[in-house]
Amino acid sequence: MIDFPNHSRSYDQTRRAVRFWGHDSAIEASFFIDEGALKRIQPGADATESGFLNAFDRNRDLICAAAARKYVRGSRGSYDLLAGDF
């Protein structure tokens, strides 16, 4: 089962997404939630790095729940969350 104990997150300008990490025992997986998904879950978010990070922080539980649904153990190292996942 995937868990999200690490509250670190960062904005990846190249991918235009917020990156965060989950852990399944000793396995670490990277997750990216793109700007479109963040705008969908928080329509009034500023379209800036700090705006997207704030939108992530305000909706962390919802985002982590969607990430947990998308996660498949041992499947891959990273997962993308898009607007359609919300």
N, C-alpha and C. Protein backbone atom coordinates (compact mmCIF):
# COMPACT_ATOMS: atom_id res chain seq x y z
N MET A 1 0.85 -1.18 0.00
CA MET A 1 0.00 0.00 0.00
C MET A 1 0.90 1.24 0.00
N ILE A 2 0.57 2.19 -0.82
CA ILE A 2 1.35 3.42 -0.94
C ILE A 2 0.93 4.40 0.16
N ASP A 3 1.91 5.12 0.68
CA ASP A 3 1.69 6.12 1.71
C ASP A 3 2.47 7.37 1.33
N PHE A 4 2.06 8.51 1.84
CA PHE A 4 2.68 9.78 1.48
C PHE A 4 3.14 10.53 2.74
N PRO A 5 4.12 9.95 3.47
CA PRO A 5 4.56 10.58 4.72
C PRO A 5 5.44 11.81 4.50
N ASN A 6 6.07 11.90 3.35
CA ASN A 6 6.97 13.00 3.04
C ASN A 6 6.16 14.15 2.44
N HIS A 7 6.11 15.27 3.11
CA HIS A 7 5.32 16.39 2.62
C HIS A 7 6.09 17.30 1.67
N SER A 8 7.30 16.86 1.28
CA SER A 8 8.07 17.63 0.31
C SER A 8 7.38 17.60 -1.04
N ARG A 9 7.47 18.69 -1.74
CA ARG A 9 6.97 18.79 -3.11
C ARG A 9 7.75 19.88 -3.78
N SER A 10 7.81 19.83 -5.09
CA SER A 10 8.54 20.86 -5.83
C SER A 10 7.84 21.08 -7.16
N TYR A 11 8.07 22.25 -7.72
CA TYR A 11 7.48 22.56 -9.02
C TYR A 11 8.52 22.25 -10.10
N ASP A 12 8.14 21.46 -11.07
CA ASP A 12 9.01 21.10 -12.19
C ASP A 12 8.59 21.95 -13.39
N GLN A 13 9.38 22.96 -13.69
CA GLN A 13 9.06 23.90 -14.78
C GLN A 13 8.98 23.20 -16.13
N THR A 14 9.89 22.26 -16.37
CA THR A 14 9.92 21.56 -17.65
C THR A 14 8.65 20.76 -17.89
N ARG A 15 8.18 20.07 -16.86
CA ARG A 15 6.97 19.25 -16.99
C ARG A 15 5.70 20.03 -16.70
N ARG A 16 5.88 21.26 -16.18
CA ARG A 16 4.74 22.09 -15.78
C ARG A 16 3.82 21.32 -14.84
N ALA A 17 4.46 20.81 -13.77
CA ALA A 17 3.77 19.96 -12.81
C ALA A 17 4.43 20.06 -11.44
N VAL A 18 3.66 19.71 -10.42
CA VAL A 18 4.20 19.60 -9.07
C VAL A 18 4.58 18.14 -8.86
N ARG A 19 5.80 17.95 -8.38
CA ARG A 19 6.31 16.60 -8.11
C ARG A 19 6.23 16.33 -6.62
N PHE A 20 5.81 15.10 -6.28
CA PHE A 20 5.79 14.65 -4.89
C PHE A 20 6.07 13.16 -4.87
N TRP A 21 6.29 12.61 -3.68
CA TRP A 21 6.75 11.23 -3.57
C TRP A 21 5.87 10.42 -2.64
N GLY A 22 5.76 9.15 -2.98
CA GLY A 22 5.05 8.19 -2.14
C GLY A 22 5.96 7.03 -1.83
N HIS A 23 5.64 6.30 -0.77
CA HIS A 23 6.46 5.16 -0.36
C HIS A 23 5.57 3.95 -0.14
N ASP A 24 6.04 2.83 -0.68
CA ASP A 24 5.41 1.53 -0.50
C ASP A 24 6.50 0.65 0.09
N SER A 25 6.52 0.54 1.40
CA SER A 25 7.63 -0.10 2.12
C SER A 25 8.92 0.62 1.74
N ALA A 26 9.87 -0.10 1.15
CA ALA A 26 11.15 0.52 0.77
C ALA A 26 11.12 1.09 -0.64
N ILE A 27 10.03 0.93 -1.34
CA ILE A 27 9.93 1.42 -2.72
C ILE A 27 9.45 2.86 -2.72
N GLU A 28 10.18 3.73 -3.42
CA GLU A 28 9.77 5.12 -3.56
C GLU A 28 9.26 5.34 -4.98
N ALA A 29 8.16 6.03 -5.10
CA ALA A 29 7.59 6.35 -6.41
C ALA A 29 7.40 7.86 -6.51
N SER A 30 7.69 8.42 -7.68
CA SER A 30 7.49 9.84 -7.95
C SER A 30 6.13 10.03 -8.61
N PHE A 31 5.48 11.10 -8.23
CA PHE A 31 4.20 11.48 -8.82
C PHE A 31 4.29 12.91 -9.31
N PHE A 32 3.63 13.17 -10.43
CA PHE A 32 3.56 14.51 -10.99
C PHE A 32 2.10 14.84 -11.21
N ILE A 33 1.66 15.98 -10.69
CA ILE A 33 0.31 16.45 -10.98
C ILE A 33 0.46 17.70 -11.84
N ASP A 34 -0.10 17.64 -13.04
CA ASP A 34 0.13 18.74 -13.98
C ASP A 34 -0.76 19.95 -13.68
N GLU A 35 -0.41 21.06 -14.32
CA GLU A 35 -1.11 22.32 -14.10
C GLU A 35 -2.60 22.20 -14.39
N GLY A 36 -2.96 21.46 -15.43
CA GLY A 36 -4.37 21.30 -15.77
C GLY A 36 -5.16 20.65 -14.66
N ALA A 37 -4.58 19.65 -14.03
CA ALA A 37 -5.25 18.98 -12.91
C ALA A 37 -5.38 19.92 -11.72
N LEU A 38 -4.32 20.67 -11.44
CA LEU A 38 -4.38 21.62 -10.32
C LEU A 38 -5.42 22.70 -10.57
N LYS A 39 -5.52 23.16 -11.81
CA LYS A 39 -6.54 24.17 -12.14
C LYS A 39 -7.95 23.59 -12.01
N ARG A 40 -8.07 22.31 -12.30
CA ARG A 40 -9.38 21.67 -12.20
C ARG A 40 -9.83 21.56 -10.74
N ILE A 41 -8.92 21.20 -9.86
CA ILE A 41 -9.32 21.02 -8.47
C ILE A 41 -9.33 22.34 -7.68
N GLN A 42 -8.62 23.34 -8.19
CA GLN A 42 -8.67 24.67 -7.58
C GLN A 42 -8.66 25.72 -8.68
N PRO A 43 -9.84 25.99 -9.27
CA PRO A 43 -9.93 26.88 -10.43
C PRO A 43 -9.36 28.29 -10.23
N GLY A 44 -9.36 28.81 -9.03
CA GLY A 44 -8.88 30.16 -8.79
C GLY A 44 -7.39 30.26 -8.51
N ALA A 45 -6.66 29.16 -8.65
CA ALA A 45 -5.23 29.17 -8.34
C ALA A 45 -4.47 30.08 -9.29
N ASP A 46 -3.50 30.81 -8.73
CA ASP A 46 -2.62 31.63 -9.57
C ASP A 46 -1.81 30.72 -10.47
N ALA A 47 -1.65 31.12 -11.72
CA ALA A 47 -0.89 30.33 -12.69
C ALA A 47 0.61 30.65 -12.57
N THR A 48 1.13 30.50 -11.36
CA THR A 48 2.55 30.73 -11.07
C THR A 48 3.05 29.53 -10.27
N GLU A 49 4.36 29.43 -10.14
CA GLU A 49 4.92 28.34 -9.35
C GLU A 49 4.34 28.33 -7.94
N SER A 50 4.35 29.47 -7.28
CA SER A 50 3.83 29.52 -5.91
C SER A 50 2.33 29.24 -5.87
N GLY A 51 1.61 29.68 -6.88
CA GLY A 51 0.17 29.40 -6.95
C GLY A 51 -0.12 27.92 -7.08
N PHE A 52 0.65 27.22 -7.92
CA PHE A 52 0.44 25.78 -8.08
C PHE A 52 0.86 25.02 -6.83
N LEU A 53 1.94 25.45 -6.18
CA LEU A 53 2.36 24.79 -4.94
C LEU A 53 1.32 25.00 -3.84
N ASN A 54 0.75 26.19 -3.77
CA ASN A 54 -0.31 26.45 -2.79
C ASN A 54 -1.56 25.61 -3.09
N ALA A 55 -1.91 25.48 -4.36
CA ALA A 55 -3.06 24.64 -4.74
C ALA A 55 -2.80 23.19 -4.34
N PHE A 56 -1.58 22.73 -4.53
CA PHE A 56 -1.23 21.37 -4.11
C PHE A 56 -1.40 21.23 -2.60
N ASP A 57 -0.83 22.18 -1.85
CA ASP A 57 -0.90 22.10 -0.39
C ASP A 57 -2.34 22.10 0.12
N ARG A 58 -3.19 22.90 -0.48
CA ARG A 58 -4.58 22.99 -0.03
C ARG A 58 -5.39 21.75 -0.37
N ASN A 59 -4.93 21.00 -1.35
CA ASN A 59 -5.68 19.83 -1.82
C ASN A 59 -4.88 18.53 -1.68
N ARG A 60 -3.91 18.52 -0.79
CA ARG A 60 -3.00 17.38 -0.64
C ARG A 60 -3.75 16.06 -0.44
N ASP A 61 -4.75 16.02 0.43
CA ASP A 61 -5.47 14.77 0.70
C ASP A 61 -6.15 14.23 -0.55
N LEU A 62 -6.82 15.10 -1.30
CA LEU A 62 -7.48 14.70 -2.54
C LEU A 62 -6.46 14.19 -3.56
N ILE A 63 -5.35 14.89 -3.68
CA ILE A 63 -4.31 14.52 -4.64
C ILE A 63 -3.67 13.19 -4.26
N CYS A 64 -3.36 13.00 -2.99
CA CYS A 64 -2.75 11.74 -2.55
C CYS A 64 -3.72 10.57 -2.72
N ALA A 65 -5.00 10.79 -2.51
CA ALA A 65 -5.99 9.73 -2.73
C ALA A 65 -6.02 9.33 -4.21
N ALA A 66 -5.97 10.31 -5.11
CA ALA A 66 -5.95 10.01 -6.55
C ALA A 66 -4.66 9.29 -6.92
N ALA A 67 -3.55 9.70 -6.33
CA ALA A 67 -2.26 9.05 -6.59
C ALA A 67 -2.28 7.60 -6.13
N ALA A 68 -2.87 7.35 -4.97
CA ALA A 68 -2.96 5.99 -4.44
C ALA A 68 -3.79 5.09 -5.37
N ARG A 69 -4.85 5.64 -5.95
CA ARG A 69 -5.68 4.86 -6.89
C ARG A 69 -4.90 4.53 -8.16
N LYS A 70 -4.03 5.42 -8.58
CA LYS A 70 -3.28 5.23 -9.83
C LYS A 70 -2.06 4.33 -9.65
N TYR A 71 -1.57 4.23 -8.45
CA TYR A 71 -0.34 3.49 -8.16
C TYR A 71 -0.54 1.98 -8.34
N VAL A 72 0.44 1.34 -8.98
CA VAL A 72 0.48 -0.10 -9.11
C VAL A 72 1.86 -0.54 -8.65
N ARG A 73 1.93 -1.34 -7.61
CA ARG A 73 3.21 -1.73 -7.02
C ARG A 73 4.14 -2.36 -8.04
N GLY A 74 5.37 -1.82 -8.10
CA GLY A 74 6.39 -2.35 -8.97
C GLY A 74 6.18 -2.08 -10.44
N SER A 75 5.15 -1.32 -10.77
CA SER A 75 4.82 -1.09 -12.17
C SER A 75 5.79 -0.14 -12.85
N ARG A 76 6.09 0.99 -12.20
CA ARG A 76 6.97 1.99 -12.80
C ARG A 76 7.47 2.93 -11.72
N GLY A 77 8.39 3.78 -12.08
CA GLY A 77 8.99 4.67 -11.12
C GLY A 77 8.26 5.99 -10.94
N SER A 78 7.45 6.39 -11.92
CA SER A 78 6.74 7.67 -11.78
C SER A 78 5.35 7.58 -12.39
N TYR A 79 4.49 8.43 -11.90
CA TYR A 79 3.08 8.44 -12.31
C TYR A 79 2.65 9.87 -12.56
N ASP A 80 1.82 10.08 -13.58
CA ASP A 80 1.30 11.40 -13.91
C ASP A 80 -0.18 11.47 -13.55
N LEU A 81 -0.53 12.51 -12.82
CA LEU A 81 -1.93 12.78 -12.51
C LEU A 81 -2.39 13.92 -13.41
N LEU A 82 -3.44 13.68 -14.15
CA LEU A 82 -3.97 14.65 -15.11
C LEU A 82 -5.38 15.07 -14.69
N ALA A 83 -5.91 16.07 -15.35
CA ALA A 83 -7.23 16.59 -15.01
C ALA A 83 -8.29 15.50 -14.98
N GLY A 84 -8.21 14.53 -15.88
CA GLY A 84 -9.19 13.45 -15.93
C GLY A 84 -9.16 12.52 -14.72
N ASP A 85 -8.11 12.61 -13.91
CA ASP A 85 -8.03 11.79 -12.71
C ASP A 85 -8.82 12.37 -11.55
N PHE A 86 -9.42 13.57 -11.77
CA PHE A 86 -10.16 14.26 -10.71
C PHE A 86 -11.58 14.55 -11.13
